[in-house]
C-alpha atoms as a PDB file:
ATOM      1  CA  MET A   1       7.528  11.851 -15.040  1.00  0.00           C
ATOM      2  CA  THR A   2       9.736  11.811 -11.936  1.00  0.00           C
ATOM      3  CA  ARG A   3      13.457  12.139 -12.630  1.00  0.00           C
ATOM      4  CA  PHE A   4      15.951  10.073 -10.661  1.00  0.00           C
ATOM      5  CA  GLU A   5      18.094  13.175 -10.157  1.00  0.00           C
ATOM      6  CA  ASP A   6      15.247  14.792  -8.201  1.00  0.00           C
ATOM      7  CA  LEU A   7      15.171  12.032  -5.557  1.00  0.00           C
ATOM      8  CA  ALA A   8      17.116  11.951  -2.283  1.00  0.00           C
ATOM      9  CA  VAL A   9      17.445   9.638   0.703  1.00  0.00           C
ATOM     10  CA  GLY A  10      14.969  10.812   3.320  1.00  0.00           C
ATOM     11  CA  ARG A  11      12.364  12.044   0.835  1.00  0.00           C
ATOM     12  CA  SER A  12       8.932  10.880   1.927  1.00  0.00           C
ATOM     13  CA  ALA A  13       5.290  10.976   0.929  1.00  0.00           C
ATOM     14  CA  SER A  14       1.969   9.662   2.151  1.00  0.00           C
ATOM     15  CA  VAL A  15      -1.519   8.989   0.850  1.00  0.00           C
ATOM     16  CA  THR A  16      -4.783   8.430   2.760  1.00  0.00           C
ATOM     17  CA  LEU A  17      -7.850   6.285   2.041  1.00  0.00           C
ATOM     18  CA  GLN A  18     -10.970   5.340   3.985  1.00  0.00           C
ATOM     19  CA  VAL A  19     -11.823   1.643   3.759  1.00  0.00           C
ATOM     20  CA  THR A  20     -15.513   1.367   2.930  1.00  0.00           C
ATOM     21  CA  ASP A  21     -17.882  -1.576   2.638  1.00  0.00           C
ATOM     22  CA  GLU A  22     -18.112  -0.726  -1.056  1.00  0.00           C
ATOM     23  CA  ALA A  23     -14.317  -0.907  -1.482  1.00  0.00           C
ATOM     24  CA  ILE A  24     -14.236  -4.310   0.249  1.00  0.00           C
ATOM     25  CA  ARG A  25     -17.077  -5.598  -1.958  1.00  0.00           C
ATOM     26  CA  ARG A  26     -15.513  -4.254  -5.152  1.00  0.00           C
ATOM     27  CA  PHE A  27     -12.108  -5.673  -4.248  1.00  0.00           C
ATOM     28  CA  ALA A  28     -13.766  -9.073  -3.685  1.00  0.00           C
ATOM     29  CA  GLU A  29     -15.296  -8.858  -7.156  1.00  0.00           C
ATOM     30  CA  LEU A  30     -12.030  -7.777  -8.776  1.00  0.00           C
ATOM     31  CA  SER A  31      -9.698 -10.173  -6.978  1.00  0.00           C
ATOM     32  CA  GLY A  32     -12.007 -13.130  -6.396  1.00  0.00           C
ATOM     33  CA  ASP A  33     -11.206 -13.018  -2.651  1.00  0.00           C
ATOM     34  CA  ARG A  34     -14.744 -13.565  -1.394  1.00  0.00           C
ATOM     35  CA  ASN A  35     -13.708 -15.019   1.968  1.00  0.00           C
ATOM     36  CA  PRO A  36     -16.723 -14.587   4.278  1.00  0.00           C
ATOM     37  CA  LEU A  37     -14.366 -13.006   6.827  1.00  0.00           C
ATOM     38  CA  HIS A  38     -14.508  -9.941   4.567  1.00  0.00           C
ATOM     39  CA  LEU A  39     -18.143 -10.060   3.441  1.00  0.00           C
ATOM     40  CA  ASP A  40     -20.372 -11.878   5.947  1.00  0.00           C
ATOM     41  CA  ASP A  41     -21.084 -10.148   9.277  1.00  0.00           C
ATOM     42  CA  GLU A  42     -22.422 -13.291  10.974  1.00  0.00           C
ATOM     43  CA  PHE A  43     -19.511 -15.480   9.891  1.00  0.00           C
ATOM     44  CA  ALA A  44     -16.907 -12.858  10.810  1.00  0.00           C
ATOM     45  CA  ALA A  45     -18.479 -12.200  14.228  1.00  0.00           C
ATOM     46  CA  ALA A  46     -17.849 -15.849  15.166  1.00  0.00           C
ATOM     47  CA  THR A  47     -14.114 -15.645  14.379  1.00  0.00           C
ATOM     48  CA  PHE A  48     -11.086 -14.541  16.345  1.00  0.00           C
ATOM     49  CA  PHE A  49     -11.504 -11.073  14.761  1.00  0.00           C
ATOM     50  CA  ARG A  50     -15.098 -10.682  16.092  1.00  0.00           C
ATOM     51  CA  GLY A  51     -16.148  -8.821  12.962  1.00  0.00           C
ATOM     52  CA  ARG A  52     -15.393  -8.285   9.313  1.00  0.00           C
ATOM     53  CA  ILE A  53     -11.956  -7.183   8.181  1.00  0.00           C
ATOM     54  CA  ALA A  54     -10.703  -5.877   4.845  1.00  0.00           C
ATOM     55  CA  GLN A  55      -8.675  -8.063   2.530  1.00  0.00           C
ATOM     56  CA  GLY A  56      -4.982  -7.736   3.294  1.00  0.00           C
ATOM     57  CA  MET A  57      -4.172  -7.049  -0.331  1.00  0.00           C
ATOM     58  CA  LEU A  58      -6.786  -4.275  -0.456  1.00  0.00           C
ATOM     59  CA  THR A  59      -4.846  -2.628   2.346  1.00  0.00           C
ATOM     60  CA  ALA A  60      -1.515  -3.276   0.615  1.00  0.00           C
ATOM     61  CA  SER A  61      -2.821  -1.846  -2.659  1.00  0.00           C
ATOM     62  CA  LEU A  62      -2.597   1.603  -1.081  1.00  0.00           C
ATOM     63  CA  LEU A  63       1.183   1.208  -1.388  1.00  0.00           C
ATOM     64  CA  SER A  64       0.779   0.901  -5.160  1.00  0.00           C
ATOM     65  CA  THR A  65      -1.014   4.248  -5.175  1.00  0.00           C
ATOM     66  CA  LEU A  66       1.790   5.741  -3.085  1.00  0.00           C
ATOM     67  CA  VAL A  67       4.519   4.463  -5.415  1.00  0.00           C
ATOM     68  CA  GLY A  68       2.765   5.068  -8.721  1.00  0.00           C
ATOM     69  CA  MET A  69       1.351   8.489  -7.955  1.00  0.00           C
ATOM     70  CA  HIS A  70       3.461  10.090  -5.185  1.00  0.00           C
ATOM     71  CA  LEU A  71       6.856   8.546  -4.391  1.00  0.00           C
ATOM     72  CA  PRO A  72       8.473   8.437  -6.803  1.00  0.00           C
ATOM     73  CA  GLY A  73       5.312   8.900  -8.893  1.00  0.00           C
ATOM     74  CA  THR A  74       4.703   8.724 -12.614  1.00  0.00           C
ATOM     75  CA  GLY A  75       7.216   6.469 -14.320  1.00  0.00           C
ATOM     76  CA  ALA A  76       7.735   4.207 -11.305  1.00  0.00           C
ATOM     77  CA  ILE A  77       7.657   0.442 -11.558  1.00  0.00           C
ATOM     78  CA  TYR A  78       7.509  -1.950  -8.607  1.00  0.00           C
ATOM     79  CA  ARG A  79      10.300  -4.503  -8.476  1.00  0.00           C
ATOM     80  CA  SER A  80       9.478  -6.000  -5.094  1.00  0.00           C
ATOM     81  CA  GLN A  81       7.549  -5.363  -1.884  1.00  0.00           C
ATOM     82  CA  THR A  82       7.731  -7.174   1.432  1.00  0.00           C
ATOM     83  CA  LEU A  83       4.604  -7.096   3.577  1.00  0.00           C
ATOM     84  CA  GLU A  84       4.034  -7.760   7.243  1.00  0.00           C
ATOM     85  CA  PHE A  85       0.371  -7.615   8.246  1.00  0.00           C
ATOM     86  CA  LEU A  86       0.366  -6.447  11.866  1.00  0.00           C
ATOM     87  CA  ARG A  87      -3.255  -5.546  12.676  1.00  0.00           C
ATOM     88  CA  PRO A  88      -6.633  -6.113  11.072  1.00  0.00           C
ATOM     89  CA  VAL A  89      -8.211  -3.331   9.026  1.00  0.00           C
ATOM     90  CA  ARG A  90     -11.933  -2.889   9.477  1.00  0.00           C
ATOM     91  CA  PRO A  91     -14.630  -1.195   7.418  1.00  0.00           C
ATOM     92  CA  GLY A  92     -14.549   2.508   8.251  1.00  0.00           C
ATOM     93  CA  ASP A  93     -10.847   2.618   9.092  1.00  0.00           C
ATOM     94  CA  VAL A  94      -8.911   5.535   7.623  1.00  0.00           C
ATOM     95  CA  LEU A  95      -5.514   4.369   6.399  1.00  0.00           C
ATOM     96  CA  THR A  96      -2.435   6.430   5.647  1.00  0.00           C
ATOM     97  CA  ALA A  97       0.368   4.836   3.650  1.00  0.00           C
ATOM     98  CA  HIS A  98       3.831   6.262   4.223  1.00  0.00           C
ATOM     99  CA  GLY A  99       6.962   5.773   2.170  1.00  0.00           C
ATOM    100  CA  GLU A 100      10.487   7.048   2.745  1.00  0.00           C
ATOM    101  CA  VAL A 101      13.496   6.675   0.455  1.00  0.00           C
ATOM    102  CA  THR A 102      16.204   4.773   2.348  1.00  0.00           C
ATOM    103  CA  ALA A 103      18.598   4.027  -0.525  1.00  0.00           C
ATOM    104  CA  LEU A 104      19.221   5.071  -4.123  1.00  0.00           C
ATOM    105  CA  ASP A 105      21.058   3.182  -6.861  1.00  0.00           C
ATOM    106  CA  ALA A 106      21.910   5.472  -9.788  1.00  0.00           C
ATOM    107  CA  ALA A 107      23.415   2.650 -11.875  1.00  0.00           C
ATOM    108  CA  ASP A 108      20.167   0.691 -11.669  1.00  0.00           C
ATOM    109  CA  CYS A 109      17.890   3.758 -11.578  1.00  0.00           C
ATOM    110  CA  SER A 110      16.175   2.273  -8.514  1.00  0.00           C
ATOM    111  CA  MET A 111      15.432   3.036  -4.898  1.00  0.00           C
ATOM    112  CA  VAL A 112      14.471   1.312  -1.676  1.00  0.00           C
ATOM    113  CA  LEU A 113      11.492   2.627   0.263  1.00  0.00           C
ATOM    114  CA  ALA A 114      10.589   1.891   3.868  1.00  0.00           C
ATOM    115  CA  THR A 115       6.804   1.455   3.727  1.00  0.00           C
ATOM    116  CA  ARG A 116       4.115   1.353   6.375  1.00  0.00           C
ATOM    117  CA  ILE A 117       0.392   1.862   6.671  1.00  0.00           C
ATOM    118  CA  GLU A 118      -1.237   3.299   9.789  1.00  0.00           C
ATOM    119  CA  ASN A 119      -4.882   3.496  10.821  1.00  0.00           C
ATOM    120  CA  GLN A 120      -6.670   6.541  12.199  1.00  0.00           C
ATOM    121  CA  ARG A 121      -5.408   5.709  15.704  1.00  0.00           C
ATOM    122  CA  GLY A 122      -1.781   5.862  14.558  1.00  0.00           C
ATOM    123  CA  GLU A 123      -1.396   2.068  14.850  1.00  0.00           C
ATOM    124  CA  THR A 124       0.794   0.444  12.207  1.00  0.00           C
ATOM    125  CA  VAL A 125      -1.333  -2.148  10.402  1.00  0.00           C
ATOM    126  CA  LEU A 126       1.211  -3.082   7.723  1.00  0.00           C
ATOM    127  CA  SER A 127       4.944  -2.576   7.262  1.00  0.00           C
ATOM    128  CA  GLY A 128       7.475  -3.548   4.658  1.00  0.00           C
ATOM    129  CA  GLU A 129      10.094  -2.500   2.186  1.00  0.00           C
ATOM    130  CA  ALA A 130       9.752  -1.738  -1.516  1.00  0.00           C
ATOM    131  CA  VAL A 131      12.277  -1.765  -4.316  1.00  0.00           C
ATOM    132  CA  VAL A 132      11.145   0.617  -7.042  1.00  0.00           C
ATOM    133  CA  GLY A 133      12.633   1.402 -10.404  1.00  0.00           C
ATOM    134  CA  LEU A 134      12.163   4.480 -12.534  1.00  0.00           C
ATOM    135  CA  LEU A 135      11.401   4.043 -16.191  1.00  0.00           C
ATOM    136  CA  ARG A 136      13.582   6.044 -18.516  1.00  0.00           C
ATOM    137  CA  ASP A 137      11.738   8.285 -20.941  1.00  0.00           C
ATOM    138  CA  ARG A 138      12.816   7.180 -24.401  1.00  0.00           C
ATOM    139  CA  ARG A 139      10.707   9.720 -26.311  1.00  0.00           C
ATOM    140  CA  GLY A 140      12.740  12.172 -28.381  1.00  0.00           C
END
């Protein structure tokens, strides 16, 4: 479990994921977001996007992986996350989520992270800010 004392402003981490048709389909099943913009090639081709795009929250879920597994990691709990969806994410895109500690609050055992997700072309597709707390280990 990550210890608050081991964190510092400027610490960063990233995690990468390829968005597949299978991930989009499974996210639709899990979330109930079966919008044809995500699942139907013909429908999506007739829209402003001119093709299918991934669910925005599928993209944003990569931030949960970043926080829960990498920065700060085990023992982290989300308190809040702002999201700005800047570009569509398409099947086949390779996404990298980045987080950087911008503030620490020892009294609250929490931190603020600047968050963003980029595609394989280095374009930012999502940006935001997270407030993350660290659980205190109460065993023994």
